[in-house]
N, C-alpha and C. Protein backbone atom coordinates (compact mmCIF):
# COMPACT_ATOMS: atom_id res chain seq x y z
N MET A 1 6.09 -24.38 10.98
CA MET A 1 6.77 -23.50 9.22
C MET A 1 8.33 -24.10 8.83
N THR A 2 8.77 -24.50 7.56
CA THR A 2 10.14 -25.32 7.63
C THR A 2 10.89 -23.84 6.96
N ALA A 3 11.99 -24.14 6.98
CA ALA A 3 13.39 -23.10 7.21
C ALA A 3 13.01 -22.58 5.09
N ASN A 4 12.60 -23.63 4.53
CA ASN A 4 12.34 -23.20 2.94
C ASN A 4 11.53 -23.07 2.80
N ALA A 5 9.88 -22.90 3.60
CA ALA A 5 8.74 -22.29 3.42
C ALA A 5 9.67 -20.67 4.17
N SER A 6 10.07 -20.66 4.68
CA SER A 6 10.20 -19.19 5.07
C SER A 6 11.50 -18.30 4.37
N ILE A 7 12.20 -19.09 3.87
CA ILE A 7 13.22 -17.97 2.61
C ILE A 7 12.08 -18.09 1.26
N LYS A 8 11.26 -18.54 1.22
CA LYS A 8 9.93 -18.76 0.00
C LYS A 8 9.54 -17.22 0.60
N ARG A 9 9.18 -17.02 1.72
CA ARG A 9 8.34 -15.80 1.80
C ARG A 9 9.12 -14.84 1.95
N ALA A 10 10.69 -14.98 2.41
CA ALA A 10 11.55 -13.87 2.18
C ALA A 10 11.31 -13.21 0.91
N ARG A 11 11.68 -14.53 -0.01
CA ARG A 11 11.84 -14.02 -1.56
C ARG A 11 10.55 -13.36 -2.13
N LEU A 12 9.23 -13.63 -1.33
CA LEU A 12 7.56 -12.73 -2.12
C LEU A 12 7.86 -11.46 -1.63
N VAL A 13 8.28 -11.36 -0.51
CA VAL A 13 8.10 -10.42 0.45
C VAL A 13 9.57 -8.97 -0.50
N ALA A 14 10.53 -9.15 -0.87
CA ALA A 14 11.28 -9.10 -1.38
C ALA A 14 11.12 -8.43 -2.88
N GLN A 15 10.39 -9.56 -3.51
CA GLN A 15 9.70 -8.93 -4.93
C GLN A 15 8.83 -8.41 -4.29
N LEU A 16 7.38 -7.95 -3.18
CA LEU A 16 6.75 -7.35 -3.13
C LEU A 16 7.15 -5.56 -3.18
N LYS A 17 8.49 -5.63 -3.03
CA LYS A 17 8.92 -4.36 -2.78
C LYS A 17 9.62 -3.64 -3.81
N SER A 18 10.01 -4.74 -4.72
CA SER A 18 10.73 -4.46 -5.45
C SER A 18 9.48 -4.13 -6.63
N ARG A 19 8.09 -4.11 -5.97
CA ARG A 19 6.88 -3.96 -7.05
C ARG A 19 5.97 -2.66 -7.15
N GLY A 20 7.23 -2.51 -5.85
CA GLY A 20 6.89 -1.11 -5.24
C GLY A 20 6.20 -0.71 -3.38
N ILE A 21 5.81 -2.08 -3.01
CA ILE A 21 5.00 -2.01 -2.29
C ILE A 21 6.12 -0.97 -1.15
N ALA A 22 5.69 0.03 -0.15
CA ALA A 22 6.25 0.79 0.78
C ALA A 22 6.64 0.60 1.87
N SER A 23 5.08 0.68 2.23
CA SER A 23 5.20 0.47 3.74
C SER A 23 5.48 -0.77 4.78
N ARG A 24 6.41 -0.42 5.27
CA ARG A 24 7.16 -0.99 6.22
C ARG A 24 6.19 -1.96 7.05
N ALA A 25 5.18 -2.06 7.93
CA ALA A 25 4.30 -2.62 8.57
C ALA A 25 3.84 -3.37 7.53
N VAL A 26 2.90 -3.26 6.26
CA VAL A 26 2.64 -4.65 5.32
C VAL A 26 3.54 -5.26 5.02
N LEU A 27 4.68 -5.08 4.95
CA LEU A 27 6.47 -6.14 4.34
C LEU A 27 5.98 -6.61 5.29
N GLU A 28 5.83 -6.40 6.95
CA GLU A 28 6.73 -7.04 8.43
C GLU A 28 4.97 -7.95 8.04
N ALA A 29 4.41 -7.33 7.76
CA ALA A 29 3.29 -8.23 7.88
C ALA A 29 2.95 -9.72 7.27
N MET A 30 3.26 -8.66 6.26
CA MET A 30 3.50 -10.49 4.76
C MET A 30 4.39 -11.53 4.95
N GLN A 31 5.56 -10.77 5.90
CA GLN A 31 6.67 -11.64 5.84
C GLN A 31 6.72 -12.45 7.20
N SER A 32 5.49 -11.82 7.54
CA SER A 32 4.57 -12.69 9.54
C SER A 32 3.83 -13.86 9.01
N VAL A 33 3.02 -13.83 8.12
CA VAL A 33 2.07 -14.84 8.23
C VAL A 33 2.33 -15.75 6.82
N PRO A 34 2.50 -17.08 7.41
CA PRO A 34 2.61 -18.16 6.45
C PRO A 34 1.32 -18.16 5.25
N ARG A 35 1.24 -18.46 3.84
CA ARG A 35 0.23 -18.90 3.10
C ARG A 35 -0.07 -19.95 2.80
N GLU A 36 0.74 -20.71 2.81
CA GLU A 36 0.63 -22.37 3.01
C GLU A 36 -0.33 -23.06 3.55
N PRO A 37 -1.15 -22.81 5.38
CA PRO A 37 -1.88 -23.25 5.93
C PRO A 37 -3.40 -22.20 5.01
N PHE A 38 -3.64 -21.56 4.03
CA PHE A 38 -4.31 -21.08 3.67
C PHE A 38 -4.79 -21.82 2.26
N VAL A 39 -3.75 -22.40 1.91
CA VAL A 39 -3.83 -22.85 0.40
C VAL A 39 -3.87 -25.00 0.13
N ASP A 40 -4.45 -25.45 -0.61
CA ASP A 40 -4.91 -26.59 -0.59
C ASP A 40 -4.31 -27.36 -0.76
N GLU A 41 -3.60 -28.52 -0.59
CA GLU A 41 -2.60 -28.95 0.02
C GLU A 41 -1.69 -29.46 -1.08
N ALA A 42 -2.67 -29.81 -2.09
CA ALA A 42 -2.23 -30.06 -3.01
C ALA A 42 -1.26 -28.73 -4.53
N LEU A 43 -1.91 -27.83 -4.07
CA LEU A 43 -1.11 -26.55 -3.93
C LEU A 43 -0.14 -26.06 -3.83
N ARG A 44 -0.46 -26.34 -2.39
CA ARG A 44 1.47 -26.36 -1.70
C ARG A 44 2.26 -25.65 -2.49
N GLY A 45 2.74 -26.11 -3.09
CA GLY A 45 4.43 -26.13 -3.44
C GLY A 45 4.07 -24.85 -4.45
N LYS A 46 2.64 -24.21 -4.75
CA LYS A 46 2.69 -22.64 -5.10
C LYS A 46 3.02 -21.44 -4.23
N ALA A 47 2.57 -21.84 -2.83
CA ALA A 47 1.77 -20.68 -2.05
C ALA A 47 2.57 -19.61 -2.26
N TYR A 48 3.76 -19.63 -2.39
CA TYR A 48 4.81 -19.01 -2.37
C TYR A 48 4.80 -17.96 -3.95
N ALA A 49 4.13 -18.04 -4.42
CA ALA A 49 3.53 -17.76 -6.11
C ALA A 49 3.28 -16.43 -6.20
N ASP A 50 3.75 -15.71 -6.70
CA ASP A 50 2.69 -14.17 -6.39
C ASP A 50 1.50 -14.39 -7.68
N ALA A 51 0.84 -14.96 -6.93
CA ALA A 51 -0.28 -15.45 -8.37
C ALA A 51 -1.68 -15.96 -7.24
N ALA A 52 -2.81 -15.68 -8.26
CA ALA A 52 -3.85 -16.34 -7.32
C ALA A 52 -4.07 -17.13 -7.36
N LEU A 53 -4.87 -18.42 -5.97
CA LEU A 53 -5.43 -19.64 -6.30
C LEU A 53 -6.70 -20.51 -6.32
N PRO A 54 -6.92 -21.51 -6.51
CA PRO A 54 -8.24 -21.92 -6.50
C PRO A 54 -8.30 -22.28 -4.68
N ILE A 55 -9.53 -22.24 -4.24
CA ILE A 55 -9.53 -22.43 -2.90
C ILE A 55 -10.86 -23.57 -2.64
N GLY A 56 -11.82 -23.07 -3.91
CA GLY A 56 -12.94 -24.25 -3.86
C GLY A 56 -13.52 -23.40 -3.50
N GLU A 57 -15.10 -23.73 -4.04
CA GLU A 57 -16.50 -22.57 -3.78
C GLU A 57 -16.84 -21.71 -5.00
N ASN A 58 -15.80 -21.71 -6.24
CA ASN A 58 -15.41 -20.73 -7.39
C ASN A 58 -15.03 -19.94 -6.39
N GLN A 59 -14.28 -19.84 -5.82
CA GLN A 59 -13.29 -18.90 -4.57
C GLN A 59 -11.81 -18.43 -5.21
N SER A 60 -10.74 -17.80 -5.30
CA SER A 60 -9.97 -17.76 -5.22
C SER A 60 -9.25 -17.22 -3.76
N ILE A 61 -7.59 -17.71 -3.91
CA ILE A 61 -7.07 -16.90 -2.62
C ILE A 61 -6.41 -15.26 -3.39
N SER A 62 -6.47 -14.65 -3.26
CA SER A 62 -5.46 -13.34 -3.69
C SER A 62 -4.49 -13.27 -4.43
N GLN A 63 -3.53 -13.27 -5.30
CA GLN A 63 -2.69 -12.65 -5.26
C GLN A 63 -1.80 -12.01 -4.05
N PRO A 64 -1.14 -11.98 -3.40
CA PRO A 64 -0.19 -11.59 -2.56
C PRO A 64 0.01 -9.74 -2.59
N TRP A 65 1.10 -9.51 -3.69
CA TRP A 65 0.85 -8.44 -4.46
C TRP A 65 -0.74 -7.75 -4.14
N ILE A 66 -1.58 -8.13 -4.63
CA ILE A 66 -2.56 -7.16 -4.45
C ILE A 66 -3.04 -7.21 -2.83
N VAL A 67 -3.41 -8.60 -2.55
CA VAL A 67 -3.29 -8.15 -0.58
C VAL A 67 -2.43 -6.73 -0.28
N ALA A 68 -0.66 -6.70 -0.34
CA ALA A 68 -0.34 -5.91 0.16
C ALA A 68 -0.78 -5.00 0.43
N ARG A 69 -0.94 -4.89 -1.25
CA ARG A 69 -1.23 -3.40 -1.99
C ARG A 69 -2.76 -3.01 -1.36
N MET A 70 -3.72 -3.90 -0.98
CA MET A 70 -5.14 -3.47 -0.75
C MET A 70 -4.70 -3.20 0.79
N CYS A 71 -3.81 -3.82 1.10
CA CYS A 71 -3.75 -3.09 3.05
C CYS A 71 -3.13 -1.79 2.72
N GLU A 72 -1.63 -1.48 2.08
CA GLU A 72 -1.20 -0.30 1.86
C GLU A 72 -2.19 0.63 2.32
N LEU A 73 -3.10 0.43 1.35
CA LEU A 73 -4.30 1.89 0.70
C LEU A 73 -4.92 1.72 1.13
N LEU A 74 -5.11 1.24 2.89
CA LEU A 74 -5.33 1.56 3.97
C LEU A 74 -5.32 1.96 5.05
N GLU A 75 -3.70 2.21 5.21
CA GLU A 75 -2.87 3.32 5.55
C GLU A 75 -2.71 2.58 7.19
N PRO A 76 -2.64 1.75 7.39
CA PRO A 76 -2.97 1.06 9.18
C PRO A 76 -1.41 2.13 9.62
N ASP A 77 -1.76 2.43 11.33
CA ASP A 77 -1.10 2.09 11.74
C ASP A 77 -0.85 1.42 13.15
N GLY A 78 -1.80 0.00 13.06
CA GLY A 78 -1.75 -0.77 14.18
C GLY A 78 -2.70 -0.85 15.28
N THR A 79 -3.43 0.60 14.84
CA THR A 79 -4.67 0.93 16.19
C THR A 79 -6.02 0.52 15.08
N GLY A 80 -6.93 0.65 15.81
CA GLY A 80 -8.77 0.18 14.74
C GLY A 80 -8.69 -0.34 15.06
N ARG A 81 -9.98 -0.86 14.80
CA ARG A 81 -10.86 -1.48 14.02
C ARG A 81 -11.01 -2.01 11.98
N VAL A 82 -10.78 -3.48 11.87
CA VAL A 82 -11.36 -3.18 9.96
C VAL A 82 -11.61 -3.92 9.44
N LEU A 83 -12.98 -3.49 8.71
CA LEU A 83 -14.51 -4.69 8.52
C LEU A 83 -12.84 -5.36 6.82
N GLU A 84 -13.10 -6.43 7.32
CA GLU A 84 -12.84 -6.88 4.86
C GLU A 84 -14.29 -8.32 4.71
N ILE A 85 -14.69 -7.88 3.85
CA ILE A 85 -15.94 -7.53 2.91
C ILE A 85 -15.38 -9.21 1.60
N GLY A 86 -15.97 -10.42 2.75
CA GLY A 86 -15.13 -11.43 1.56
C GLY A 86 -13.90 -12.46 2.50
N THR A 87 -14.06 -13.25 3.09
CA THR A 87 -13.37 -13.99 4.29
C THR A 87 -12.58 -14.69 3.52
N GLY A 88 -13.12 -15.03 2.49
CA GLY A 88 -12.68 -16.54 1.77
C GLY A 88 -11.31 -17.41 2.51
N SER A 89 -10.41 -17.32 2.10
CA SER A 89 -9.73 -18.64 2.90
C SER A 89 -8.67 -17.83 3.90
N GLY A 90 -9.48 -16.75 4.38
CA GLY A 90 -9.27 -15.62 5.86
C GLY A 90 -7.52 -15.83 5.56
N TYR A 91 -6.91 -15.78 4.56
CA TYR A 91 -5.36 -15.69 4.05
C TYR A 91 -4.97 -13.73 4.68
N HIS A 92 -6.39 -12.35 3.55
CA HIS A 92 -6.44 -11.88 3.94
C HIS A 92 -6.56 -11.14 5.71
N ALA A 93 -7.60 -11.68 5.72
CA ALA A 93 -7.58 -11.42 7.32
C ALA A 93 -6.07 -11.53 8.07
N ALA A 94 -5.62 -12.54 8.24
CA ALA A 94 -4.30 -12.90 8.83
C ALA A 94 -3.59 -11.42 8.77
N VAL A 95 -3.27 -11.09 7.25
CA VAL A 95 -2.30 -9.80 6.84
C VAL A 95 -2.77 -9.25 7.89
N LEU A 96 -4.77 -8.91 8.15
CA LEU A 96 -4.75 -7.76 8.32
C LEU A 96 -4.78 -7.53 9.49
N SER A 97 -4.59 -8.71 11.18
CA SER A 97 -4.66 -9.03 12.09
C SER A 97 -3.02 -8.20 12.67
N ARG A 98 -2.17 -8.30 11.96
CA ARG A 98 -0.53 -7.46 12.11
C ARG A 98 -1.08 -6.60 12.32
N LEU A 99 -2.47 -4.99 11.47
CA LEU A 99 -1.76 -4.53 11.01
C LEU A 99 -2.75 -3.67 11.84
N PHE A 100 -4.29 -4.17 12.38
CA PHE A 100 -5.46 -3.18 13.12
C PHE A 100 -5.28 -3.79 14.39
N GLU A 101 -5.71 -3.73 15.44
CA GLU A 101 -6.13 -3.95 16.86
C GLU A 101 -7.42 -5.49 16.67
N GLN A 102 -8.33 -5.09 16.07
CA GLN A 102 -9.46 -5.91 15.64
C GLN A 102 -9.77 -5.92 13.80
N VAL A 103 -10.17 -7.40 13.67
CA VAL A 103 -10.09 -7.76 12.28
C VAL A 103 -11.73 -8.00 12.26
N TYR A 104 -12.70 -7.72 11.90
CA TYR A 104 -13.86 -7.75 11.93
C TYR A 104 -14.63 -8.89 9.72
N THR A 105 -14.51 -9.59 9.89
CA THR A 105 -14.99 -10.08 8.35
C THR A 105 -16.19 -10.26 7.91
N VAL A 106 -16.50 -10.63 6.76
CA VAL A 106 -18.19 -11.09 6.61
C VAL A 106 -17.96 -11.93 5.11
N GLU A 107 -18.34 -13.27 4.90
CA GLU A 107 -18.35 -13.94 4.48
C GLU A 107 -19.64 -14.86 3.95
N ARG A 108 -20.28 -15.02 2.87
CA ARG A 108 -21.54 -15.34 2.40
C ARG A 108 -21.58 -16.68 2.17
N ILE A 109 -20.30 -17.42 2.23
CA ILE A 109 -20.67 -18.91 1.94
C ILE A 109 -19.82 -19.73 3.28
N GLU A 110 -20.14 -20.19 4.12
CA GLU A 110 -20.32 -20.89 5.65
C GLU A 110 -19.26 -21.38 5.63
N ALA A 111 -18.99 -22.37 4.14
CA ALA A 111 -17.69 -23.35 3.98
C ALA A 111 -16.47 -22.66 4.33
N LEU A 112 -16.90 -21.76 3.44
CA LEU A 112 -15.08 -20.79 3.75
C LEU A 112 -15.07 -19.95 5.11
N SER A 113 -16.16 -19.61 5.80
CA SER A 113 -15.58 -18.55 6.97
C SER A 113 -15.26 -20.03 8.11
N VAL A 114 -15.79 -21.19 7.82
CA VAL A 114 -15.53 -21.85 8.94
C VAL A 114 -14.29 -22.69 9.01
N ARG A 115 -13.97 -22.55 7.69
CA ARG A 115 -12.37 -23.40 7.26
C ARG A 115 -11.06 -22.23 7.49
N ALA A 116 -11.93 -20.65 7.35
CA ALA A 116 -11.02 -19.39 7.33
C ALA A 116 -10.78 -19.73 9.08
N ARG A 117 -11.56 -19.74 10.14
CA ARG A 117 -11.54 -19.65 11.77
C ARG A 117 -10.71 -20.55 11.95
N ARG A 118 -10.74 -21.76 11.37
CA ARG A 118 -10.87 -23.01 12.12
C ARG A 118 -8.71 -22.93 11.32
N THR A 119 -8.65 -21.81 10.83
CA THR A 119 -7.03 -22.06 10.12
C THR A 119 -6.56 -21.21 10.62
N LEU A 120 -7.01 -19.43 11.05
CA LEU A 120 -6.50 -18.87 11.98
C LEU A 120 -6.72 -19.38 13.42
N ARG A 121 -7.28 -19.77 13.33
CA ARG A 121 -7.56 -20.32 15.30
C ARG A 121 -5.68 -20.66 15.18
N GLY A 122 -5.81 -21.73 14.51
CA GLY A 122 -4.53 -23.05 14.47
C GLY A 122 -3.12 -22.06 14.71
N LEU A 123 -3.25 -21.26 14.21
CA LEU A 123 -2.38 -19.53 14.11
C LEU A 123 -2.00 -18.90 15.13
N GLY A 124 -2.87 -19.16 15.87
CA GLY A 124 -2.49 -18.36 17.17
C GLY A 124 -3.52 -16.86 16.77
N LEU A 125 -4.13 -16.78 15.65
CA LEU A 125 -5.07 -14.95 15.19
C LEU A 125 -6.50 -15.61 16.54
N GLU A 126 -6.42 -14.42 17.34
CA GLU A 126 -7.36 -14.15 18.17
C GLU A 126 -8.34 -12.91 18.02
N ASN A 127 -7.77 -12.46 17.56
CA ASN A 127 -8.31 -10.75 16.95
C ASN A 127 -8.88 -10.43 15.72
N VAL A 128 -9.43 -11.80 15.25
CA VAL A 128 -9.70 -11.58 13.67
C VAL A 128 -11.64 -11.92 14.56
N HIS A 129 -12.22 -11.65 13.87
CA HIS A 129 -13.61 -12.37 14.20
C HIS A 129 -14.92 -12.66 13.20
N PHE A 130 -15.65 -13.51 13.46
CA PHE A 130 -16.32 -13.90 11.49
C PHE A 130 -17.28 -13.99 11.98
N LYS A 131 -18.37 -13.24 10.47
CA LYS A 131 -20.08 -13.30 10.58
C LYS A 131 -20.18 -13.90 8.79
N ILE A 132 -21.17 -15.03 9.52
CA ILE A 132 -21.39 -15.57 8.25
C ILE A 132 -22.87 -14.54 7.76
N PHE A 133 -22.65 -13.95 6.20
CA PHE A 133 -23.60 -12.66 6.12
C PHE A 133 -23.77 -12.34 4.60
N ASP A 134 -24.54 -11.83 4.45
CA ASP A 134 -24.44 -10.24 2.85
C ASP A 134 -23.35 -9.23 3.18
N GLY A 135 -22.29 -9.90 2.69
CA GLY A 135 -21.06 -8.19 2.96
C GLY A 135 -21.72 -7.06 3.02
N GLY A 136 -22.50 -6.75 1.68
CA GLY A 136 -22.12 -5.61 1.00
C GLY A 136 -23.39 -4.67 2.76
N TYR A 137 -23.74 -5.57 3.07
CA TYR A 137 -24.44 -4.90 4.82
C TYR A 137 -23.65 -4.19 5.95
N GLY A 138 -22.55 -4.87 5.36
CA GLY A 138 -20.91 -4.56 6.78
C GLY A 138 -21.29 -5.93 7.43
N TRP A 139 -21.39 -4.87 8.99
CA TRP A 139 -21.12 -5.40 10.36
C TRP A 139 -21.32 -4.37 10.90
N SER A 140 -23.18 -3.48 11.45
CA SER A 140 -22.92 -2.77 11.85
C SER A 140 -22.12 -2.15 13.22
N GLU A 141 -23.00 -3.58 14.53
CA GLU A 141 -22.82 -3.81 15.65
C GLU A 141 -21.33 -3.04 16.08
N PHE A 142 -20.13 -3.06 14.92
CA PHE A 142 -18.73 -2.57 15.27
C PHE A 142 -17.86 -1.54 14.72
N ALA A 143 -19.40 -0.93 14.04
CA ALA A 143 -19.03 1.10 13.53
C ALA A 143 -18.67 1.60 14.86
N PRO A 144 -18.22 2.53 14.10
CA PRO A 144 -17.17 2.69 12.98
C PRO A 144 -15.98 1.39 13.45
N TYR A 145 -15.63 1.85 11.64
CA TYR A 145 -14.44 1.16 10.99
C TYR A 145 -13.21 2.35 10.60
N ARG A 146 -12.18 2.08 10.86
CA ARG A 146 -10.92 2.61 10.36
C ARG A 146 -10.85 2.78 9.42
N ALA A 147 -11.29 1.31 9.23
CA ALA A 147 -11.17 1.24 7.44
C ALA A 147 -11.70 -0.26 7.06
N VAL A 148 -12.16 -0.09 5.89
CA VAL A 148 -13.40 -1.28 5.66
C VAL A 148 -12.60 -1.70 3.99
N VAL A 149 -12.12 -3.63 3.71
CA VAL A 149 -12.03 -3.63 2.66
C VAL A 149 -12.59 -4.32 2.13
N VAL A 150 -12.75 -4.76 0.01
CA VAL A 150 -14.18 -5.36 -0.43
C VAL A 150 -12.84 -6.50 -1.02
N THR A 151 -12.71 -7.58 -0.76
CA THR A 151 -12.13 -8.22 -1.27
C THR A 151 -13.46 -9.13 -2.85
N ALA A 152 -13.76 -8.38 -3.53
CA ALA A 152 -14.75 -8.35 -4.72
C ALA A 152 -15.39 -8.06 -5.22
N GLY A 153 -15.16 -7.78 -6.30
CA GLY A 153 -16.26 -6.66 -7.42
C GLY A 153 -17.11 -6.75 -7.39
N SER A 154 -18.03 -5.57 -7.52
CA SER A 154 -18.56 -4.07 -6.73
C SER A 154 -19.27 -3.87 -8.63
N PRO A 155 -20.50 -2.93 -8.26
CA PRO A 155 -20.36 -2.47 -9.57
C PRO A 155 -20.63 -0.88 -8.97
N GLU A 156 -21.03 -0.55 -7.78
CA GLU A 156 -20.71 0.62 -7.23
C GLU A 156 -20.14 -0.10 -5.35
N PRO A 157 -19.57 1.25 -4.80
CA PRO A 157 -19.18 1.18 -3.41
C PRO A 157 -20.46 0.87 -2.45
N PRO A 158 -21.06 -0.08 -1.66
CA PRO A 158 -21.95 -0.60 -0.85
C PRO A 158 -22.00 0.78 -0.37
N ARG A 159 -23.09 1.30 -0.14
CA ARG A 159 -23.76 2.57 1.03
C ARG A 159 -23.36 2.25 2.36
N PRO A 160 -23.78 1.26 2.55
CA PRO A 160 -23.59 0.83 3.76
C PRO A 160 -22.36 0.17 4.83
N LEU A 161 -21.68 0.44 3.97
CA LEU A 161 -19.82 -0.11 4.29
C LEU A 161 -19.98 1.63 4.67
N LEU A 162 -19.62 2.77 3.06
CA LEU A 162 -19.30 4.25 3.36
C LEU A 162 -19.92 4.97 4.70
N GLU A 163 -21.14 4.40 5.22
CA GLU A 163 -21.81 4.84 6.04
C GLU A 163 -20.71 4.21 7.55
N GLN A 164 -20.62 2.81 7.75
CA GLN A 164 -19.74 2.52 8.44
C GLN A 164 -18.50 3.02 8.65
N LEU A 165 -17.54 4.00 7.71
CA LEU A 165 -16.38 4.60 7.62
C LEU A 165 -16.76 5.60 9.27
N GLN A 166 -15.25 5.10 10.02
CA GLN A 166 -15.59 6.54 10.54
C GLN A 166 -15.29 7.82 10.05
N ASP A 167 -14.85 9.08 10.54
CA ASP A 167 -14.57 9.86 10.11
C ASP A 167 -13.46 10.19 9.04
N GLY A 168 -12.50 10.11 8.30
CA GLY A 168 -11.51 9.81 7.85
C GLY A 168 -11.08 8.77 7.67
N GLY A 169 -11.74 7.78 7.93
CA GLY A 169 -11.91 5.94 7.29
C GLY A 169 -11.33 6.00 5.74
N ARG A 170 -10.75 5.44 6.19
CA ARG A 170 -10.54 4.80 3.85
C ARG A 170 -11.84 3.32 3.76
N LEU A 171 -12.15 3.26 2.11
CA LEU A 171 -12.98 2.34 1.76
C LEU A 171 -12.10 1.59 0.63
N VAL A 172 -11.50 0.59 0.68
CA VAL A 172 -11.15 0.22 -0.60
C VAL A 172 -11.70 -1.02 -1.31
N VAL A 173 -12.54 -0.85 -2.95
CA VAL A 173 -13.24 -1.46 -2.98
C VAL A 173 -12.96 -1.59 -4.40
N PRO A 174 -12.99 -3.09 -5.17
CA PRO A 174 -13.02 -3.06 -6.82
C PRO A 174 -13.78 -2.66 -7.35
N LEU A 175 -14.06 -2.75 -8.66
CA LEU A 175 -15.77 -2.06 -9.05
C LEU A 175 -15.45 -2.18 -10.27
N GLY A 176 -16.08 -2.88 -11.35
CA GLY A 176 -16.02 -3.02 -12.36
C GLY A 176 -18.08 -2.37 -13.14
N ARG A 177 -17.90 -3.59 -14.78
CA ARG A 177 -19.19 -2.64 -14.29
C ARG A 177 -19.98 -4.26 -15.01
N GLY A 178 -19.74 -4.96 -14.68
CA GLY A 178 -20.35 -6.48 -14.59
C GLY A 178 -19.39 -7.44 -13.96
N PRO A 179 -20.40 -8.39 -13.21
CA PRO A 179 -20.21 -9.37 -12.63
C PRO A 179 -18.83 -10.24 -13.82
N GLU A 180 -18.70 -10.16 -14.39
CA GLU A 180 -17.47 -10.99 -15.17
C GLU A 180 -16.57 -10.12 -15.61
N ASP A 181 -16.65 -8.82 -15.10
CA ASP A 181 -15.73 -7.50 -16.29
C ASP A 181 -14.17 -7.94 -15.59
N ALA A 182 -12.95 -8.34 -16.24
CA ALA A 182 -12.13 -7.83 -16.41
C ALA A 182 -11.74 -7.03 -16.18
N GLU A 183 -12.14 -5.65 -16.93
CA GLU A 183 -11.51 -4.47 -16.32
C GLU A 183 -11.65 -3.70 -15.39
N GLN A 184 -11.94 -4.22 -14.43
CA GLN A 184 -12.02 -3.58 -13.13
C GLN A 184 -11.34 -2.61 -11.87
N ARG A 185 -11.43 -1.51 -11.20
CA ARG A 185 -10.35 -0.64 -10.74
C ARG A 185 -10.54 -0.36 -9.68
N LEU A 186 -9.43 -0.86 -9.10
CA LEU A 186 -8.96 -0.30 -7.57
C LEU A 186 -9.57 0.64 -6.86
N VAL A 187 -10.19 1.07 -6.55
CA VAL A 187 -10.40 2.43 -5.66
C VAL A 187 -11.37 2.63 -4.43
N CYS A 188 -10.03 3.62 -3.91
CA CYS A 188 -9.80 3.88 -2.38
C CYS A 188 -10.51 5.26 -2.40
N TYR A 189 -12.12 5.27 -1.57
CA TYR A 189 -12.77 5.80 -0.94
C TYR A 189 -12.12 6.60 0.65
N ARG A 190 -12.34 7.80 0.84
CA ARG A 190 -12.08 8.47 1.55
C ARG A 190 -13.32 9.19 2.44
N ARG A 191 -13.69 8.63 3.99
CA ARG A 191 -14.82 9.92 3.97
C ARG A 191 -14.28 10.51 4.20
N GLU A 192 -15.30 12.21 4.65
CA GLU A 192 -14.14 12.88 5.02
C GLU A 192 -15.73 14.09 6.13
N GLY A 193 -16.01 13.41 7.38
CA GLY A 193 -17.75 14.50 7.55
C GLY A 193 -18.45 14.04 6.22
N ASP A 194 -19.18 14.74 6.17
CA ASP A 194 -20.01 14.85 5.17
C ASP A 194 -19.96 13.98 3.67
N ARG A 195 -18.65 14.16 3.28
CA ARG A 195 -17.89 14.02 2.17
C ARG A 195 -17.59 13.08 2.07
N THR A 196 -17.31 12.54 0.72
CA THR A 196 -16.14 11.11 0.45
C THR A 196 -15.39 11.12 -0.93
N SER A 197 -14.25 11.27 -1.12
CA SER A 197 -13.21 11.60 -1.67
C SER A 197 -12.68 9.96 -2.80
N ARG A 198 -12.55 9.82 -3.67
CA ARG A 198 -12.16 9.06 -4.70
C ARG A 198 -10.45 8.94 -5.03
N ALA A 199 -10.05 7.98 -5.39
CA ALA A 199 -8.98 7.95 -5.83
C ALA A 199 -8.71 6.49 -6.29
N ASP A 200 -8.60 6.60 -7.64
CA ASP A 200 -8.24 4.98 -9.08
C ASP A 200 -7.54 5.01 -8.52
N HIS A 201 -6.94 3.45 -8.33
CA HIS A 201 -5.66 2.75 -8.02
C HIS A 201 -4.63 1.98 -9.21
N GLY A 202 -5.76 1.95 -10.20
CA GLY A 202 -5.11 1.52 -11.55
C GLY A 202 -6.11 0.15 -11.61
N ALA A 203 -5.95 -1.24 -12.91
CA ALA A 203 -6.75 -2.48 -12.90
C ALA A 203 -6.79 -2.82 -11.77
N CYS A 204 -7.99 -3.94 -11.79
CA CYS A 204 -7.53 -5.83 -10.39
C CYS A 204 -8.62 -6.27 -11.41
N CYS A 205 -8.53 -7.23 -10.56
CA CYS A 205 -9.29 -8.27 -11.25
C CYS A 205 -10.10 -9.63 -10.05
N PHE A 206 -10.85 -9.46 -9.62
CA PHE A 206 -11.48 -10.36 -8.61
C PHE A 206 -12.78 -11.13 -9.00
N VAL A 207 -13.26 -11.77 -7.70
CA VAL A 207 -14.35 -12.45 -8.29
C VAL A 207 -15.76 -11.76 -7.85
N PRO A 208 -17.07 -11.57 -8.56
CA PRO A 208 -17.51 -11.02 -7.95
C PRO A 208 -18.11 -10.91 -6.65
N LEU A 209 -18.73 -9.59 -6.06
CA LEU A 209 -19.65 -9.40 -5.59
C LEU A 209 -20.78 -9.86 -5.72
N LEU A 210 -21.77 -10.84 -4.36
CA LEU A 210 -22.99 -11.37 -5.31
C LEU A 210 -23.82 -10.94 -3.47
N GLY A 211 -24.64 -10.19 -3.65
CA GLY A 211 -25.22 -9.19 -2.42
C GLY A 211 -26.60 -8.66 -2.99
N ARG A 212 -27.20 -8.73 -2.22
CA ARG A 212 -27.65 -7.31 -1.87
C ARG A 212 -27.59 -6.01 -2.71
N PHE A 213 -25.69 -5.58 -2.66
CA PHE A 213 -25.50 -4.32 -3.10
C PHE A 213 -24.28 -4.61 -3.90
N GLY A 214 -24.34 -6.00 -4.85
CA GLY A 214 -23.50 -6.79 -5.34
C GLY A 214 -24.01 -6.82 -7.14
N TRP A 215 -23.76 -8.17 -7.12
CA TRP A 215 -24.14 -8.26 -8.22
C TRP A 215 -25.72 -9.51 -7.95
N THR A 216 -26.32 -10.08 -8.46
CA THR A 216 -27.36 -10.92 -8.21
C THR A 216 -27.06 -12.33 -8.58
N PRO A 217 -27.35 -13.20 -7.31
CA PRO A 217 -26.32 -14.90 -7.24
C PRO A 217 -26.51 -15.91 -8.29
């Protein structure tokens, strides 16, 4: 890590704070995780812009603000297991690794999962576990989870993901009316016994969730 990159990351974190990210744990996690290893070399000059960037396979690395906001909505306290649906570049998983004891991340595109694993291991992050599969099914072997985060837009919250939440657990998912819907909403579900509460946290824009519980590939 260069001094210049550290300064850029500090500026980004200050910007996130000014835009309403209030969780100290989340801000510290965003400060501690470098973004440039997760960005294609040709785009590394833009690594600390608060913007989504392409990573190949018609996928993107999410805007830092939305990563921080989704993490904040999970209300992490440094304990428990979190399930991520959509590994992508691995950047979001790296941030989650600073906020939970164990991270389980599922990606349907093998090339992305393999690359993300290599990047995270190169950073010395050993508490992130990878699976290549249809993420809508979750990862039942390690359920229940304290939190679940979906990094792709879905028509509705996949039922298996709600079922894999522990009591009091939170699911954060972008919801839209179609695979190309630009009017997605960031929604947080909280499991309370046999009931589930829902809260809308504003507009967002994600690539579509493809598979059994999302849109047809």
